[in-house]
C-alpha atoms as a PDB file:
ATOM      1  CA  UNK A   1      10.880-153.694 -62.183  1.00  0.00           C
ATOM      2  CA  UNK A   2      12.372-152.456 -58.943  1.00  0.00           C
ATOM      3  CA  UNK A   3      10.384-152.211 -55.740  1.00  0.00           C
ATOM      4  CA  UNK A   4      11.023-148.449 -55.773  1.00  0.00           C
ATOM      5  CA  UNK A   5       9.328-148.207 -59.194  1.00  0.00           C
ATOM      6  CA  UNK A   6       6.308-150.178 -58.001  1.00  0.00           C
ATOM      7  CA  UNK A   7       5.989-147.859 -54.997  1.00  0.00           C
ATOM      8  CA  UNK A   8       6.015-144.836 -57.331  1.00  0.00           C
ATOM      9  CA  UNK A   9       3.358-146.474 -59.513  1.00  0.00           C
ATOM     10  CA  UNK A  10       1.191-147.174 -56.455  1.00  0.00           C
ATOM     11  CA  UNK A  11       1.546-143.561 -55.345  1.00  0.00           C
ATOM     12  CA  UNK A  12      -0.028-142.445 -58.664  1.00  0.00           C
ATOM     13  CA  UNK A  13      -3.190-144.413 -57.865  1.00  0.00           C
ATOM     14  CA  UNK A  14      -5.541-141.940 -56.139  1.00  0.00           C
ATOM     15  CA  UNK A  15      -6.575-144.593 -53.625  1.00  0.00           C
ATOM     16  CA  UNK A  16      -3.003-144.921 -52.325  1.00  0.00           C
ATOM     17  CA  UNK A  17      -1.856-141.299 -52.607  1.00  0.00           C
ATOM     18  CA  UNK A  18      -2.170-140.677 -48.851  1.00  0.00           C
ATOM     19  CA  UNK A  19      -0.480-143.896 -47.729  1.00  0.00           C
ATOM     20  CA  UNK A  20       2.973-143.612 -46.164  1.00  0.00           C
ATOM     21  CA  UNK A  21       5.873-144.661 -48.448  1.00  0.00           C
ATOM     22  CA  UNK A  22       6.971-147.393 -46.014  1.00  0.00           C
ATOM     23  CA  UNK A  23       3.474-148.939 -46.123  1.00  0.00           C
ATOM     24  CA  UNK A  24       3.415-148.715 -49.944  1.00  0.00           C
ATOM     25  CA  UNK A  25       6.785-150.476 -50.027  1.00  0.00           C
ATOM     26  CA  UNK A  26       5.357-153.249 -47.843  1.00  0.00           C
ATOM     27  CA  UNK A  27       2.256-153.442 -50.054  1.00  0.00           C
ATOM     28  CA  UNK A  28       4.389-153.683 -53.211  1.00  0.00           C
ATOM     29  CA  UNK A  29       6.583-156.309 -51.573  1.00  0.00           C
ATOM     30  CA  UNK A  30       3.648-158.444 -50.408  1.00  0.00           C
ATOM     31  CA  UNK A  31       1.727-158.124 -53.690  1.00  0.00           C
ATOM     32  CA  UNK A  32       2.253-160.245 -56.761  1.00  0.00           C
ATOM     33  CA  UNK A  33       3.295-158.611 -60.020  1.00  0.00           C
ATOM     34  CA  UNK A  34       1.156-160.156 -62.790  1.00  0.00           C
ATOM     35  CA  UNK A  35       1.197-159.731 -66.576  1.00  0.00           C
ATOM     36  CA  UNK A  36      -1.582-160.415 -69.056  1.00  0.00           C
ATOM     37  CA  UNK A  37      -1.713-160.412 -72.837  1.00  0.00           C
ATOM     38  CA  UNK A  38      -4.630-158.840 -74.700  1.00  0.00           C
ATOM     39  CA  UNK A  39      -7.605-161.184 -74.381  1.00  0.00           C
ATOM     40  CA  UNK A  40      -6.479-162.855 -71.153  1.00  0.00           C
ATOM     41  CA  UNK A  41      -8.886-162.832 -68.214  1.00  0.00           C
ATOM     42  CA  UNK A  42      -7.892-161.467 -64.787  1.00  0.00           C
ATOM     43  CA  UNK A  43     -10.990-163.008 -63.191  1.00  0.00           C
ATOM     44  CA  UNK A  44     -14.486-164.151 -64.150  1.00  0.00           C
ATOM     45  CA  UNK A  45     -17.926-163.160 -62.942  1.00  0.00           C
ATOM     46  CA  UNK A  46     -18.906-165.583 -60.169  1.00  0.00           C
ATOM     47  CA  UNK A  47     -15.316-166.403 -59.137  1.00  0.00           C
ATOM     48  CA  UNK A  48     -14.451-166.084 -55.426  1.00  0.00           C
ATOM     49  CA  UNK A  49     -13.047-162.672 -54.513  1.00  0.00           C
ATOM     50  CA  UNK A  50      -9.509-163.431 -53.396  1.00  0.00           C
ATOM     51  CA  UNK A  51      -7.656-160.280 -54.503  1.00  0.00           C
ATOM     52  CA  UNK A  52      -7.862-156.752 -55.853  1.00  0.00           C
ATOM     53  CA  UNK A  53      -5.765-155.625 -58.826  1.00  0.00           C
ATOM     54  CA  UNK A  54      -3.995-152.313 -59.297  1.00  0.00           C
ATOM     55  CA  UNK A  55      -3.578-151.723 -63.025  1.00  0.00           C
ATOM     56  CA  UNK A  56      -0.040-150.390 -63.535  1.00  0.00           C
ATOM     57  CA  UNK A  57       0.053-150.343 -67.348  1.00  0.00           C
ATOM     58  CA  UNK A  58      -2.435-151.225 -70.059  1.00  0.00           C
ATOM     59  CA  UNK A  59      -6.214-151.428 -69.976  1.00  0.00           C
ATOM     60  CA  UNK A  60      -8.989-153.954 -69.413  1.00  0.00           C
ATOM     61  CA  UNK A  61     -12.675-154.368 -70.186  1.00  0.00           C
ATOM     62  CA  UNK A  62     -15.241-154.971 -67.476  1.00  0.00           C
ATOM     63  CA  UNK A  63     -17.783-157.427 -68.816  1.00  0.00           C
ATOM     64  CA  UNK A  64     -21.115-158.560 -67.417  1.00  0.00           C
ATOM     65  CA  UNK A  65     -22.944-161.766 -68.311  1.00  0.00           C
ATOM     66  CA  UNK A  66     -26.375-161.316 -69.871  1.00  0.00           C
ATOM     67  CA  UNK A  67     -28.873-163.625 -71.609  1.00  0.00           C
ATOM     68  CA  UNK A  68     -27.480-162.399 -74.954  1.00  0.00           C
ATOM     69  CA  UNK A  69     -23.836-162.921 -73.947  1.00  0.00           C
ATOM     70  CA  UNK A  70     -21.145-160.720 -72.424  1.00  0.00           C
ATOM     71  CA  UNK A  71     -21.743-156.970 -72.383  1.00  0.00           C
ATOM     72  CA  UNK A  72     -18.909-154.470 -71.960  1.00  0.00           C
ATOM     73  CA  UNK A  73     -19.970-152.186 -69.127  1.00  0.00           C
ATOM     74  CA  UNK A  74     -16.755-150.232 -68.618  1.00  0.00           C
ATOM     75  CA  UNK A  75     -13.048-149.977 -69.349  1.00  0.00           C
ATOM     76  CA  UNK A  76     -10.328-149.464 -66.767  1.00  0.00           C
ATOM     77  CA  UNK A  77      -6.906-148.035 -67.421  1.00  0.00           C
ATOM     78  CA  UNK A  78      -3.607-147.659 -65.599  1.00  0.00           C
ATOM     79  CA  UNK A  79      -3.605-146.217 -62.086  1.00  0.00           C
ATOM     80  CA  UNK A  80      -6.970-147.857 -61.372  1.00  0.00           C
ATOM     81  CA  UNK A  81      -8.032-150.565 -58.965  1.00  0.00           C
ATOM     82  CA  UNK A  82     -10.441-153.358 -59.830  1.00  0.00           C
ATOM     83  CA  UNK A  83     -11.866-156.276 -57.881  1.00  0.00           C
ATOM     84  CA  UNK A  84     -12.268-154.412 -54.629  1.00  0.00           C
ATOM     85  CA  UNK A  85     -16.086-154.444 -54.616  1.00  0.00           C
ATOM     86  CA  UNK A  86     -16.354-158.205 -54.205  1.00  0.00           C
ATOM     87  CA  UNK A  87     -13.780-158.082 -51.395  1.00  0.00           C
ATOM     88  CA  UNK A  88     -15.586-155.279 -49.565  1.00  0.00           C
ATOM     89  CA  UNK A  89     -19.011-156.892 -49.964  1.00  0.00           C
ATOM     90  CA  UNK A  90     -17.655-160.407 -49.342  1.00  0.00           C
ATOM     91  CA  UNK A  91     -19.399-161.751 -52.456  1.00  0.00           C
ATOM     92  CA  UNK A  92     -18.257-163.519 -55.587  1.00  0.00           C
ATOM     93  CA  UNK A  93     -16.997-161.465 -58.546  1.00  0.00           C
ATOM     94  CA  UNK A  94     -19.693-159.203 -59.969  1.00  0.00           C
ATOM     95  CA  UNK A  95     -18.108-158.987 -63.432  1.00  0.00           C
ATOM     96  CA  UNK A  96     -15.441-160.471 -65.661  1.00  0.00           C
ATOM     97  CA  UNK A  97     -12.287-158.425 -66.240  1.00  0.00           C
ATOM     98  CA  UNK A  98     -10.318-159.086 -69.439  1.00  0.00           C
ATOM     99  CA  UNK A  99      -7.182-157.339 -70.653  1.00  0.00           C
ATOM    100  CA  UNK A 100      -7.798-155.471 -73.910  1.00  0.00           C
ATOM    101  CA  UNK A 101      -4.070-154.751 -74.321  1.00  0.00           C
ATOM    102  CA  UNK A 102      -0.868-155.964 -72.716  1.00  0.00           C
ATOM    103  CA  UNK A 103      -1.428-155.297 -69.020  1.00  0.00           C
ATOM    104  CA  UNK A 104       0.729-155.211 -65.882  1.00  0.00           C
ATOM    105  CA  UNK A 105      -0.893-155.229 -62.456  1.00  0.00           C
ATOM    106  CA  UNK A 106      -0.197-155.742 -58.789  1.00  0.00           C
ATOM    107  CA  UNK A 107      -2.404-158.446 -57.320  1.00  0.00           C
ATOM    108  CA  UNK A 108      -3.199-157.555 -53.687  1.00  0.00           C
ATOM    109  CA  UNK A 109      -4.565-160.437 -51.617  1.00  0.00           C
ATOM    110  CA  UNK A 110      -7.879-159.960 -49.841  1.00  0.00           C
ATOM    111  CA  UNK A 111      -6.125-160.203 -46.467  1.00  0.00           C
ATOM    112  CA  UNK A 112      -3.565-157.475 -47.279  1.00  0.00           C
ATOM    113  CA  UNK A 113      -6.188-155.233 -48.870  1.00  0.00           C
ATOM    114  CA  UNK A 114      -8.471-155.374 -45.827  1.00  0.00           C
ATOM    115  CA  UNK A 115      -5.510-154.814 -43.470  1.00  0.00           C
ATOM    116  CA  UNK A 116      -4.532-151.733 -45.466  1.00  0.00           C
ATOM    117  CA  UNK A 117      -8.061-150.352 -45.122  1.00  0.00           C
ATOM    118  CA  UNK A 118      -8.050-150.894 -41.357  1.00  0.00           C
ATOM    119  CA  UNK A 119      -4.625-149.220 -41.043  1.00  0.00           C
ATOM    120  CA  UNK A 120      -5.543-146.249 -43.270  1.00  0.00           C
ATOM    121  CA  UNK A 121      -9.109-144.969 -42.742  1.00  0.00           C
ATOM    122  CA  UNK A 122      -8.472-142.276 -45.364  1.00  0.00           C
ATOM    123  CA  UNK A 123      -8.200-145.085 -47.933  1.00  0.00           C
ATOM    124  CA  UNK A 124     -11.637-146.301 -46.905  1.00  0.00           C
ATOM    125  CA  UNK A 125     -13.016-142.806 -47.540  1.00  0.00           C
ATOM    126  CA  UNK A 126     -11.335-142.699 -50.958  1.00  0.00           C
ATOM    127  CA  UNK A 127     -12.812-146.116 -51.830  1.00  0.00           C
ATOM    128  CA  UNK A 128     -16.243-144.806 -50.849  1.00  0.00           C
ATOM    129  CA  UNK A 129     -15.704-141.862 -53.226  1.00  0.00           C
ATOM    130  CA  UNK A 130     -14.644-144.165 -56.074  1.00  0.00           C
ATOM    131  CA  UNK A 131     -17.610-146.486 -55.515  1.00  0.00           C
ATOM    132  CA  UNK A 132     -20.061-143.573 -55.202  1.00  0.00           C
ATOM    133  CA  UNK A 133     -18.717-142.161 -58.473  1.00  0.00           C
ATOM    134  CA  UNK A 134     -19.155-145.529 -60.202  1.00  0.00           C
ATOM    135  CA  UNK A 135     -22.695-145.814 -58.823  1.00  0.00           C
ATOM    136  CA  UNK A 136     -23.527-142.316 -60.042  1.00  0.00           C
ATOM    137  CA  UNK A 137     -22.281-143.115 -63.574  1.00  0.00           C
ATOM    138  CA  UNK A 138     -24.170-146.417 -63.588  1.00  0.00           C
ATOM    139  CA  UNK A 139     -27.382-144.739 -62.442  1.00  0.00           C
ATOM    140  CA  UNK A 140     -27.064-142.095 -65.178  1.00  0.00           C
ATOM    141  CA  UNK A 141     -26.415-144.727 -67.846  1.00  0.00           C
ATOM    142  CA  UNK A 142     -29.338-146.832 -66.626  1.00  0.00           C
ATOM    143  CA  UNK A 143     -31.659-143.808 -66.705  1.00  0.00           C
ATOM    144  CA  UNK A 144     -30.545-142.949 -70.244  1.00  0.00           C
ATOM    145  CA  UNK A 145     -31.011-146.549 -71.400  1.00  0.00           C
ATOM    146  CA  UNK A 146     -34.521-146.709 -69.893  1.00  0.00           C
ATOM    147  CA  UNK A 147     -35.432-143.396 -71.517  1.00  0.00           C
ATOM    148  CA  UNK A 148     -34.254-144.646 -74.929  1.00  0.00           C
ATOM    149  CA  UNK A 149     -36.145-147.904 -74.404  1.00  0.00           C
ATOM    150  CA  UNK A 150     -39.375-146.022 -73.611  1.00  0.00           C
ATOM    151  CA  UNK A 151     -38.939-143.788 -76.681  1.00  0.00           C
ATOM    152  CA  UNK A 152     -38.301-146.809 -78.900  1.00  0.00           C
ATOM    153  CA  UNK A 153     -41.451-148.489 -77.574  1.00  0.00           C
ATOM    154  CA  UNK A 154     -43.641-145.523 -78.627  1.00  0.00           C
END
């Protein structure tokens, strides 16, 4: 794939929509293009957070370890970013991400990702929106699960 195509793919990701084309070109150039087959793991829960991934094509499951095994907590599709939470919080990976189909992604190193955020404050605001949206969905799902659990206990 040509650099120009990767820049166009990055532009479709809401997080990068306001970033100047020259900066997107630099980001695409400094990122690693990675491919995964269905079932391959991008990273595991507990791993060090060394990069974020922009999903260009395909989809992946977000899995969380539990006493009864892995639980699928979400699915991400193309034009999404994953792995940024651990970078922003400077913690190890909070979940495992596994391709559920053939998947192409750009792997953005922690250093480049943080530099991009410092250069483009509007990206930081967009990340806050994405994370707030995820938190809202998680809170709703948790409330529904607790309600069902209480009803089942009656």
